[in-house]
Amino acid sequence: MSDVRIRRSAGAVVSLGLHLVWCPKFRRRVLVGRVAQRAEDIIYQIATEHGWEIVALEVMPDHVHVFVRCRAADSPADVAQAFKGRTSRVLRSEFAHLSRRRVLWSKSYFCASVGYVSESTVRHYIEHQWDAAA
């Protein structure tokens, strides 16, 4: 039985999971309602285009958590930039209240690699963000 956490290519067998977190500039609570739903749609679209697998995703009002599986050739910085760059551009073009902002996301982000042992912990953490925020 094959393990979905293992990705095989011509030159590698890889299990690379990344837990990414990023926030709007000044941690503003702008990711609500239709904006949050559209952000999720864009993130799934980006992952599909790059051949990445979204394991868990939660868009909170003031930050985004993504647990994504990617290839060994994809650097964490490139993955974060792909998500942050396109979501910023699309959200600012589609929502007037965001278009007035020159920058949607802060420059920083958090990234941690995820192995077998902590995968369930990260998934549980992301899926229960709303419990902690209440």
Protein backbone atom coordinates (compact mmCIF):
# COMPACT_ATOMS: atom_id res chain seq x y z
CA MET A 1 0.00 0.00 0.00
CA SER A 2 1.50 3.35 -0.97
CA ASP A 3 1.76 6.20 1.48
CA VAL A 4 0.30 9.49 0.20
CA ARG A 5 2.85 11.39 2.30
CA ILE A 6 5.66 10.07 0.07
CA ARG A 7 6.22 11.64 -3.34
CA ARG A 8 8.40 9.84 -5.83
CA SER A 9 10.18 11.34 -8.83
CA ALA A 10 12.99 10.20 -11.11
CA GLY A 11 15.64 11.33 -8.64
CA ALA A 12 14.03 11.49 -5.24
CA VAL A 13 11.63 10.06 -2.72
CA VAL A 14 10.34 12.96 -0.67
CA SER A 15 7.99 13.67 2.18
CA LEU A 16 8.04 17.44 2.50
CA GLY A 17 5.20 19.08 4.34
CA LEU A 18 5.27 22.79 5.13
CA HIS A 19 3.24 24.61 7.73
CA LEU A 20 2.99 28.23 6.54
CA VAL A 21 1.45 31.15 8.38
CA TRP A 22 1.22 34.75 7.17
CA CYS A 23 -0.68 37.86 8.25
CA PRO A 24 -2.12 40.99 6.68
CA LYS A 25 -0.06 44.15 7.17
CA PHE A 26 -0.47 45.44 10.74
CA ARG A 27 -2.43 42.23 11.50
CA ARG A 28 -5.64 43.88 10.30
CA ARG A 29 -8.75 41.68 10.45
CA VAL A 30 -9.63 41.90 6.74
CA LEU A 31 -9.97 38.18 5.90
CA VAL A 32 -13.68 37.76 6.58
CA GLY A 33 -16.73 36.73 4.58
CA ARG A 34 -16.30 36.71 0.81
CA VAL A 35 -12.66 37.83 1.11
CA ALA A 36 -11.79 34.76 3.21
CA GLN A 37 -13.64 32.41 0.84
CA ARG A 38 -11.95 33.93 -2.20
CA ALA A 39 -8.54 33.67 -0.50
CA GLU A 40 -9.15 29.94 0.06
CA ASP A 41 -10.16 29.46 -3.57
CA ILE A 42 -7.02 31.22 -4.81
CA ILE A 43 -4.75 29.19 -2.50
CA TYR A 44 -6.26 25.90 -3.73
CA GLN A 45 -5.86 27.07 -7.33
CA ILE A 46 -2.19 27.97 -6.82
CA ALA A 47 -1.50 24.60 -5.16
CA THR A 48 -3.14 22.73 -8.02
CA GLU A 49 -1.15 24.65 -10.64
CA HIS A 50 2.13 23.83 -8.89
CA GLY A 51 1.29 20.19 -8.15
CA TRP A 52 1.16 20.80 -4.39
CA GLU A 53 -1.32 19.15 -2.02
CA ILE A 54 -3.17 21.24 0.53
CA VAL A 55 -3.59 19.03 3.60
CA ALA A 56 -5.17 21.69 5.82
CA LEU A 57 -6.09 25.32 5.27
CA GLU A 58 -7.69 27.86 7.57
CA VAL A 59 -8.20 31.52 6.76
CA MET A 60 -8.63 33.43 10.00
CA PRO A 61 -9.65 37.12 10.10
CA ASP A 62 -6.07 38.22 10.77
CA HIS A 63 -3.87 35.37 9.46
CA VAL A 64 -3.71 32.34 7.17
CA HIS A 65 -2.54 28.81 8.05
CA VAL A 66 -1.64 26.37 5.27
CA PHE A 67 -0.29 22.85 5.59
CA VAL A 68 0.95 21.95 2.12
CA ARG A 69 2.92 19.03 0.67
CA CYS A 70 5.31 20.00 -2.09
CA ARG A 71 8.27 18.73 -4.09
CA ALA A 72 11.87 18.77 -2.90
CA ALA A 73 12.69 21.34 -5.60
CA ASP A 74 10.22 23.84 -4.12
CA SER A 75 11.86 26.05 -1.54
CA PRO A 76 9.72 27.19 1.37
CA ALA A 77 10.35 30.82 0.36
CA ASP A 78 9.07 30.12 -3.17
CA VAL A 79 5.97 28.37 -1.85
CA ALA A 80 5.16 31.23 0.54
CA GLN A 81 5.78 33.82 -2.18
CA ALA A 82 3.51 31.99 -4.64
CA PHE A 83 0.64 32.02 -2.13
CA LYS A 84 1.19 35.54 -0.81
CA GLY A 85 1.91 37.16 -4.19
CA ARG A 86 -1.11 35.96 -6.11
CA THR A 87 -3.60 36.21 -3.24
CA SER A 88 -2.54 39.81 -2.65
CA ARG A 89 -2.83 40.75 -6.30
CA VAL A 90 -6.20 39.05 -6.86
CA LEU A 91 -7.84 40.10 -3.60
CA ARG A 92 -6.78 43.74 -4.04
CA SER A 93 -8.11 43.76 -7.60
CA GLU A 94 -11.47 42.18 -6.69
CA PHE A 95 -12.33 43.94 -3.42
CA ALA A 96 -12.51 47.74 -3.39
CA HIS A 97 -11.77 48.11 0.33
CA LEU A 98 -8.51 46.19 -0.19
CA SER A 99 -7.54 47.98 -3.40
CA ARG A 100 -6.72 51.13 -1.43
CA ARG A 101 -3.92 49.21 0.30
CA ARG A 102 -0.55 49.26 -1.42
CA VAL A 103 0.39 46.09 0.46
CA LEU A 104 -1.97 43.39 1.71
CA TRP A 105 0.45 41.02 3.47
CA SER A 106 3.22 41.77 5.93
CA LYS A 107 6.71 40.96 4.64
CA SER A 108 7.22 38.15 7.13
CA TYR A 109 5.82 34.65 7.36
CA PHE A 110 6.30 31.55 9.49
CA CYS A 111 7.36 28.25 7.97
CA ALA A 112 8.11 24.91 9.57
CA SER A 113 8.75 21.59 7.90
CA VAL A 114 6.44 18.85 9.03
CA GLY A 115 7.44 15.22 9.46
CA TYR A 116 5.46 12.09 10.23
CA VAL A 117 5.44 12.59 13.98
CA SER A 118 4.08 16.11 14.06
CA GLU A 119 1.76 15.96 11.05
CA SER A 120 -1.32 15.13 13.11
CA THR A 121 -0.43 17.84 15.60
CA VAL A 122 -0.19 20.48 12.87
CA ARG A 123 -3.41 19.31 11.22
CA HIS A 124 -5.25 19.44 14.57
CA TYR A 125 -3.82 22.90 15.32
CA ILE A 126 -4.91 24.33 11.96
CA GLU A 127 -8.35 22.72 11.99
CA HIS A 128 -9.10 24.04 15.48
CA GLN A 129 -7.94 27.64 15.01
CA TRP A 130 -11.45 28.95 15.53
CA ASP A 131 -11.61 27.22 18.94
CA ALA A 132 -8.46 29.05 20.08
CA ALA A 133 -9.59 32.40 18.66
CA ALA A 134 -12.87 32.40 20.57
